[in-house]
């Protein structure tokens, strides 16, 4: 099930001017697992858990989006919301 966000999040995940648009919970989950510059942190752990809950239908897609934003802030990743 695709959980498309009402408003995408744009982050500079691979470098200062290399922007990536994240618009689904699935894309956020892959970014958190595969591409994240840090391996641990409370916001990262929470974002992974919230995304899993959204995919399984236990939480709202907006909760995943907000948790993803908080994880990006924690990791120091430039972000456009």
C-alpha atoms as a PDB file:
ATOM      1  CA  UNK A   1       0.000   0.000   0.000  1.00  0.00           C
ATOM      2  CA  UNK A   2       1.437   3.358  -1.027  1.00  0.00           C
ATOM      3  CA  UNK A   3       0.972   5.988   1.645  1.00  0.00           C
ATOM      4  CA  UNK A   4       1.501   9.164  -0.376  1.00  0.00           C
ATOM      5  CA  UNK A   5       2.001  12.287   1.691  1.00  0.00           C
ATOM      6  CA  UNK A   6      -0.165  15.344   1.130  1.00  0.00           C
ATOM      7  CA  UNK A   7       2.978  17.478   0.995  1.00  0.00           C
ATOM      8  CA  UNK A   8       6.365  16.042  -0.047  1.00  0.00           C
ATOM      9  CA  UNK A   9       9.588  16.678   1.856  1.00  0.00           C
ATOM     10  CA  UNK A  10      12.689  17.732  -0.070  1.00  0.00           C
ATOM     11  CA  UNK A  11      16.045  16.935   1.524  1.00  0.00           C
ATOM     12  CA  UNK A  12      19.695  17.250   0.503  1.00  0.00           C
ATOM     13  CA  UNK A  13      20.467  13.642   1.320  1.00  0.00           C
ATOM     14  CA  UNK A  14      23.485  13.084  -0.908  1.00  0.00           C
ATOM     15  CA  UNK A  15      25.097  16.519  -0.707  1.00  0.00           C
ATOM     16  CA  UNK A  16      24.434  20.216  -0.182  1.00  0.00           C
ATOM     17  CA  UNK A  17      22.757  20.859  -3.530  1.00  0.00           C
ATOM     18  CA  UNK A  18      21.590  17.349  -4.378  1.00  0.00           C
ATOM     19  CA  UNK A  19      17.930  17.506  -3.457  1.00  0.00           C
ATOM     20  CA  UNK A  20      15.733  14.432  -3.245  1.00  0.00           C
ATOM     21  CA  UNK A  21      11.945  14.607  -3.034  1.00  0.00           C
ATOM     22  CA  UNK A  22      10.382  12.171  -0.578  1.00  0.00           C
ATOM     23  CA  UNK A  23       6.631  11.843  -1.024  1.00  0.00           C
ATOM     24  CA  UNK A  24       5.723   8.423   0.362  1.00  0.00           C
ATOM     25  CA  UNK A  25       6.244   6.568   3.598  1.00  0.00           C
ATOM     26  CA  UNK A  26       7.941   3.792   1.651  1.00  0.00           C
ATOM     27  CA  UNK A  27      10.468   6.228   0.148  1.00  0.00           C
ATOM     28  CA  UNK A  28      11.105   7.697   3.592  1.00  0.00           C
ATOM     29  CA  UNK A  29      11.699   4.231   5.008  1.00  0.00           C
ATOM     30  CA  UNK A  30      14.232   3.393   2.294  1.00  0.00           C
ATOM     31  CA  UNK A  31      16.016   6.706   2.826  1.00  0.00           C
ATOM     32  CA  UNK A  32      16.177   6.130   6.586  1.00  0.00           C
ATOM     33  CA  UNK A  33      17.531   2.600   6.189  1.00  0.00           C
ATOM     34  CA  UNK A  34      19.771   2.893   3.129  1.00  0.00           C
ATOM     35  CA  UNK A  35      20.924   6.485   2.745  1.00  0.00           C
ATOM     36  CA  UNK A  36      20.869   8.113   6.178  1.00  0.00           C
ATOM     37  CA  UNK A  37      24.176   9.727   7.255  1.00  0.00           C
ATOM     38  CA  UNK A  38      23.796   8.526  10.861  1.00  0.00           C
ATOM     39  CA  UNK A  39      23.207   5.049  12.224  1.00  0.00           C
ATOM     40  CA  UNK A  40      21.481   5.969  15.444  1.00  0.00           C
ATOM     41  CA  UNK A  41      19.554   8.652  17.240  1.00  0.00           C
ATOM     42  CA  UNK A  42      16.228   8.945  19.025  1.00  0.00           C
ATOM     43  CA  UNK A  43      14.482  10.732  16.144  1.00  0.00           C
ATOM     44  CA  UNK A  44      15.852   8.233  13.612  1.00  0.00           C
ATOM     45  CA  UNK A  45      14.638   5.297  15.714  1.00  0.00           C
ATOM     46  CA  UNK A  46      11.241   6.910  16.144  1.00  0.00           C
ATOM     47  CA  UNK A  47      10.925   7.682  12.419  1.00  0.00           C
ATOM     48  CA  UNK A  48      11.682   4.061  11.505  1.00  0.00           C
ATOM     49  CA  UNK A  49       9.094   2.814  14.006  1.00  0.00           C
ATOM     50  CA  UNK A  50       6.444   5.307  12.883  1.00  0.00           C
ATOM     51  CA  UNK A  51       7.003   4.483   9.205  1.00  0.00           C
ATOM     52  CA  UNK A  52       6.590   0.774   9.969  1.00  0.00           C
ATOM     53  CA  UNK A  53       3.356   1.545  11.821  1.00  0.00           C
ATOM     54  CA  UNK A  54       2.038   3.594   8.903  1.00  0.00           C
ATOM     55  CA  UNK A  55       2.814   0.827   6.423  1.00  0.00           C
ATOM     56  CA  UNK A  56       0.944  -1.645   8.622  1.00  0.00           C
ATOM     57  CA  UNK A  57      -2.013   0.739   8.959  1.00  0.00           C
ATOM     58  CA  UNK A  58      -1.561   1.644  12.632  1.00  0.00           C
ATOM     59  CA  UNK A  59      -0.723   5.344  12.228  1.00  0.00           C
ATOM     60  CA  UNK A  60      -1.375   8.212   9.833  1.00  0.00           C
ATOM     61  CA  UNK A  61       0.863   9.185   6.932  1.00  0.00           C
ATOM     62  CA  UNK A  62       1.240  12.670   8.445  1.00  0.00           C
ATOM     63  CA  UNK A  63       2.826  11.101  11.527  1.00  0.00           C
ATOM     64  CA  UNK A  64       5.411   9.439   9.276  1.00  0.00           C
ATOM     65  CA  UNK A  65       6.100  12.707   7.471  1.00  0.00           C
ATOM     66  CA  UNK A  66       6.585  14.591  10.736  1.00  0.00           C
ATOM     67  CA  UNK A  67       8.821  11.877  12.208  1.00  0.00           C
ATOM     68  CA  UNK A  68      10.883  11.890   8.991  1.00  0.00           C
ATOM     69  CA  UNK A  69      11.336  15.665   9.228  1.00  0.00           C
ATOM     70  CA  UNK A  70      12.440  15.367  12.857  1.00  0.00           C
ATOM     71  CA  UNK A  71      14.967  12.671  11.923  1.00  0.00           C
ATOM     72  CA  UNK A  72      16.366  14.882   9.145  1.00  0.00           C
ATOM     73  CA  UNK A  73      16.737  17.772  11.569  1.00  0.00           C
ATOM     74  CA  UNK A  74      18.456  15.495  14.097  1.00  0.00           C
ATOM     75  CA  UNK A  75      20.902  14.299  11.411  1.00  0.00           C
ATOM     76  CA  UNK A  76      21.632  17.856  10.230  1.00  0.00           C
ATOM     77  CA  UNK A  77      20.301  17.182   6.740  1.00  0.00           C
ATOM     78  CA  UNK A  78      19.195  20.319   4.862  1.00  0.00           C
ATOM     79  CA  UNK A  79      15.467  20.199   4.348  1.00  0.00           C
ATOM     80  CA  UNK A  80      12.702  22.021   2.493  1.00  0.00           C
ATOM     81  CA  UNK A  81       9.172  21.447   3.766  1.00  0.00           C
END
